[in-house]
Amino acid sequence: MKSLQEIMGNYFKEERKSINESSITLTIGTPITPRNFDWEKMSDPERLGKTFEFKNYVEYKSFIDELMDYEMKTGHYAKIVADFPKVHVEVYTHDVNKITELDLEYTAEADDIRRDVAYYVVE
């Protein structure tokens, strides 16, 4: 049986061109942009909160329905205060009274749902 060094030996001996920063260019107007995290960190208990605002009742209701479906699927629930045209969401992991990875996933999903309903809801 050959060792990894024998198998990969030529790979490491070959000359490789290094990539320097000047060879990397960014294209303006790329379709992918980094997300802004605009959830507010609150205390007592430590939690994340955000208020979403909607143009019409159909978007508002669709957002709430989809968010509640996500909660049922994951078993992770937030405090949702619905007062048209706004929905306020606060999320934290109740077992530890802190923000965990579950909460960060929840916030990303809530933001995705908000973007989605803005596109597919027809007045």
C-alpha atoms as a PDB file:
ATOM      1  CA  MET A   1       0.000   0.000   0.000  1.00  0.00           C
ATOM      2  CA  LYS A   2       1.332   3.456  -0.962  1.00  0.00           C
ATOM      3  CA  SER A   3       1.584   6.225   1.568  1.00  0.00           C
ATOM      4  CA  LEU A   4      -0.171   9.532   1.083  1.00  0.00           C
ATOM      5  CA  GLN A   5       3.207  11.197   0.536  1.00  0.00           C
ATOM      6  CA  GLU A   6       3.982   8.763  -2.312  1.00  0.00           C
ATOM      7  CA  ILE A   7       0.575   9.345  -3.903  1.00  0.00           C
ATOM      8  CA  MET A   8       0.601  13.143  -3.542  1.00  0.00           C
ATOM      9  CA  GLY A   9       4.370  13.673  -3.857  1.00  0.00           C
ATOM     10  CA  ASN A  10       4.294  15.162  -7.358  1.00  0.00           C
ATOM     11  CA  TYR A  11       1.445  17.458  -6.437  1.00  0.00           C
ATOM     12  CA  PHE A  12       3.514  19.217  -3.822  1.00  0.00           C
ATOM     13  CA  LYS A  13       6.594  19.447  -6.067  1.00  0.00           C
ATOM     14  CA  GLU A  14       4.736  21.213  -8.886  1.00  0.00           C
ATOM     15  CA  GLU A  15       5.120  24.970  -9.017  1.00  0.00           C
ATOM     16  CA  ARG A  16       1.930  26.790  -8.076  1.00  0.00           C
ATOM     17  CA  LYS A  17       1.023  30.350  -8.882  1.00  0.00           C
ATOM     18  CA  SER A  18      -0.054  32.241  -5.838  1.00  0.00           C
ATOM     19  CA  ILE A  19      -3.101  34.440  -5.892  1.00  0.00           C
ATOM     20  CA  ASN A  20      -2.482  37.967  -4.743  1.00  0.00           C
ATOM     21  CA  GLU A  21      -5.058  40.567  -3.846  1.00  0.00           C
ATOM     22  CA  SER A  22      -4.416  42.614  -6.964  1.00  0.00           C
ATOM     23  CA  SER A  23      -5.580  39.728  -9.145  1.00  0.00           C
ATOM     24  CA  ILE A  24      -8.984  39.620  -7.455  1.00  0.00           C
ATOM     25  CA  THR A  25     -11.578  42.053  -8.722  1.00  0.00           C
ATOM     26  CA  LEU A  26     -15.138  42.585  -7.643  1.00  0.00           C
ATOM     27  CA  THR A  27     -17.851  43.157 -10.176  1.00  0.00           C
ATOM     28  CA  ILE A  28     -20.138  46.054  -9.390  1.00  0.00           C
ATOM     29  CA  GLY A  29     -23.788  45.064  -9.336  1.00  0.00           C
ATOM     30  CA  THR A  30     -23.243  41.405  -8.482  1.00  0.00           C
ATOM     31  CA  PRO A  31     -26.501  39.647  -7.614  1.00  0.00           C
ATOM     32  CA  ILE A  32     -25.215  38.504  -4.225  1.00  0.00           C
ATOM     33  CA  THR A  33     -24.849  41.079  -1.490  1.00  0.00           C
ATOM     34  CA  PRO A  34     -23.990  40.521   2.146  1.00  0.00           C
ATOM     35  CA  ARG A  35     -26.875  40.617   4.580  1.00  0.00           C
ATOM     36  CA  ASN A  36     -27.214  43.397   7.097  1.00  0.00           C
ATOM     37  CA  PHE A  37     -28.078  42.135  10.546  1.00  0.00           C
ATOM     38  CA  ASP A  38     -30.609  44.661  11.760  1.00  0.00           C
ATOM     39  CA  TRP A  39     -32.080  42.795  14.702  1.00  0.00           C
ATOM     40  CA  GLU A  40     -31.832  44.606  18.034  1.00  0.00           C
ATOM     41  CA  LYS A  41     -30.156  42.858  20.955  1.00  0.00           C
ATOM     42  CA  MET A  42     -32.194  43.300  24.136  1.00  0.00           C
ATOM     43  CA  SER A  43     -31.651  42.198  27.722  1.00  0.00           C
ATOM     44  CA  ASP A  44     -33.506  40.638  30.668  1.00  0.00           C
ATOM     45  CA  PRO A  45     -33.522  38.034  29.206  1.00  0.00           C
ATOM     46  CA  GLU A  46     -30.974  38.386  26.408  1.00  0.00           C
ATOM     47  CA  ARG A  47     -32.973  38.227  23.167  1.00  0.00           C
ATOM     48  CA  LEU A  48     -33.186  39.516  19.606  1.00  0.00           C
ATOM     49  CA  GLY A  49     -36.031  41.698  18.391  1.00  0.00           C
ATOM     50  CA  LYS A  50     -37.185  43.294  15.177  1.00  0.00           C
ATOM     51  CA  THR A  51     -40.275  45.084  13.890  1.00  0.00           C
ATOM     52  CA  PHE A  52     -41.438  44.315  10.353  1.00  0.00           C
ATOM     53  CA  GLU A  53     -43.756  46.701   8.499  1.00  0.00           C
ATOM     54  CA  PHE A  54     -46.096  45.715   5.656  1.00  0.00           C
ATOM     55  CA  LYS A  55     -47.713  47.556   2.754  1.00  0.00           C
ATOM     56  CA  ASN A  56     -50.947  45.578   2.834  1.00  0.00           C
ATOM     57  CA  TYR A  57     -52.884  43.069   4.884  1.00  0.00           C
ATOM     58  CA  VAL A  58     -52.157  40.139   2.566  1.00  0.00           C
ATOM     59  CA  GLU A  59     -48.367  40.516   3.017  1.00  0.00           C
ATOM     60  CA  TYR A  60     -48.862  40.950   6.766  1.00  0.00           C
ATOM     61  CA  LYS A  61     -50.965  37.794   7.099  1.00  0.00           C
ATOM     62  CA  SER A  62     -48.733  35.741   4.782  1.00  0.00           C
ATOM     63  CA  PHE A  63     -45.667  36.675   6.843  1.00  0.00           C
ATOM     64  CA  ILE A  64     -47.325  35.633  10.090  1.00  0.00           C
ATOM     65  CA  ASP A  65     -48.626  32.373   8.582  1.00  0.00           C
ATOM     66  CA  GLU A  66     -45.236  31.398   7.160  1.00  0.00           C
ATOM     67  CA  LEU A  67     -43.383  32.360  10.336  1.00  0.00           C
ATOM     68  CA  MET A  68     -45.752  30.240  12.413  1.00  0.00           C
ATOM     69  CA  ASP A  69     -45.320  27.321   9.982  1.00  0.00           C
ATOM     70  CA  TYR A  70     -41.543  27.630  10.451  1.00  0.00           C
ATOM     71  CA  GLU A  71     -41.999  27.589  14.223  1.00  0.00           C
ATOM     72  CA  MET A  72     -44.130  24.438  14.056  1.00  0.00           C
ATOM     73  CA  LYS A  73     -41.559  22.739  11.811  1.00  0.00           C
ATOM     74  CA  THR A  74     -38.582  23.587  14.032  1.00  0.00           C
ATOM     75  CA  GLY A  75     -40.218  23.594  17.463  1.00  0.00           C
ATOM     76  CA  HIS A  76     -38.559  26.941  18.208  1.00  0.00           C
ATOM     77  CA  TYR A  77     -41.010  29.699  19.075  1.00  0.00           C
ATOM     78  CA  ALA A  78     -40.758  33.468  19.392  1.00  0.00           C
ATOM     79  CA  LYS A  79     -42.931  36.160  20.892  1.00  0.00           C
ATOM     80  CA  ILE A  80     -44.903  37.632  18.002  1.00  0.00           C
ATOM     81  CA  VAL A  81     -46.896  40.836  18.486  1.00  0.00           C
ATOM     82  CA  ALA A  82     -49.110  41.503  15.477  1.00  0.00           C
ATOM     83  CA  ASP A  83     -50.647  44.978  15.156  1.00  0.00           C
ATOM     84  CA  PHE A  84     -51.324  45.746  11.487  1.00  0.00           C
ATOM     85  CA  PRO A  85     -49.330  47.055   9.617  1.00  0.00           C
ATOM     86  CA  LYS A  86     -46.488  45.980  11.958  1.00  0.00           C
ATOM     87  CA  VAL A  87     -45.310  42.672  13.391  1.00  0.00           C
ATOM     88  CA  HIS A  88     -42.776  42.690  16.241  1.00  0.00           C
ATOM     89  CA  VAL A  89     -40.780  39.492  16.814  1.00  0.00           C
ATOM     90  CA  GLU A  90     -38.602  38.667  19.842  1.00  0.00           C
ATOM     91  CA  VAL A  91     -36.673  35.414  19.989  1.00  0.00           C
ATOM     92  CA  TYR A  92     -34.330  33.700  22.454  1.00  0.00           C
ATOM     93  CA  THR A  93     -33.717  30.177  23.703  1.00  0.00           C
ATOM     94  CA  HIS A  94     -35.906  29.845  26.793  1.00  0.00           C
ATOM     95  CA  ASP A  95     -33.979  26.921  28.315  1.00  0.00           C
ATOM     96  CA  VAL A  96     -30.860  29.071  28.770  1.00  0.00           C
ATOM     97  CA  ASN A  97     -32.397  32.580  28.741  1.00  0.00           C
ATOM     98  CA  LYS A  98     -29.890  33.634  26.087  1.00  0.00           C
ATOM     99  CA  ILE A  99     -29.394  33.967  22.358  1.00  0.00           C
ATOM    100  CA  THR A 100     -28.182  30.750  20.722  1.00  0.00           C
ATOM    101  CA  GLU A 101     -27.569  29.490  17.202  1.00  0.00           C
ATOM    102  CA  LEU A 102     -31.246  28.481  17.024  1.00  0.00           C
ATOM    103  CA  ASP A 103     -32.199  32.112  17.430  1.00  0.00           C
ATOM    104  CA  LEU A 104     -29.798  33.274  14.735  1.00  0.00           C
ATOM    105  CA  GLU A 105     -31.294  30.678  12.378  1.00  0.00           C
ATOM    106  CA  TYR A 106     -34.765  31.932  13.310  1.00  0.00           C
ATOM    107  CA  THR A 107     -33.815  35.548  12.532  1.00  0.00           C
ATOM    108  CA  ALA A 108     -32.360  34.582   9.146  1.00  0.00           C
ATOM    109  CA  GLU A 109     -35.514  32.633   8.305  1.00  0.00           C
ATOM    110  CA  ALA A 110     -37.788  35.497   9.394  1.00  0.00           C
ATOM    111  CA  ASP A 111     -35.827  37.898   7.171  1.00  0.00           C
ATOM    112  CA  ASP A 112     -36.062  35.431   4.256  1.00  0.00           C
ATOM    113  CA  ILE A 113     -39.810  35.021   4.761  1.00  0.00           C
ATOM    114  CA  ARG A 114     -40.239  38.811   4.793  1.00  0.00           C
ATOM    115  CA  ARG A 115     -38.356  39.159   1.510  1.00  0.00           C
ATOM    116  CA  ASP A 116     -40.304  36.289  -0.044  1.00  0.00           C
ATOM    117  CA  VAL A 117     -43.774  37.595   0.809  1.00  0.00           C
ATOM    118  CA  ALA A 118     -42.869  40.973  -0.679  1.00  0.00           C
ATOM    119  CA  TYR A 119     -42.254  39.219  -4.016  1.00  0.00           C
ATOM    120  CA  TYR A 120     -45.031  36.653  -4.248  1.00  0.00           C
ATOM    121  CA  VAL A 121     -47.982  38.429  -2.650  1.00  0.00           C
ATOM    122  CA  VAL A 122     -50.266  39.982  -5.228  1.00  0.00           C
ATOM    123  CA  GLU A 123     -52.685  42.660  -4.035  1.00  0.00           C
END
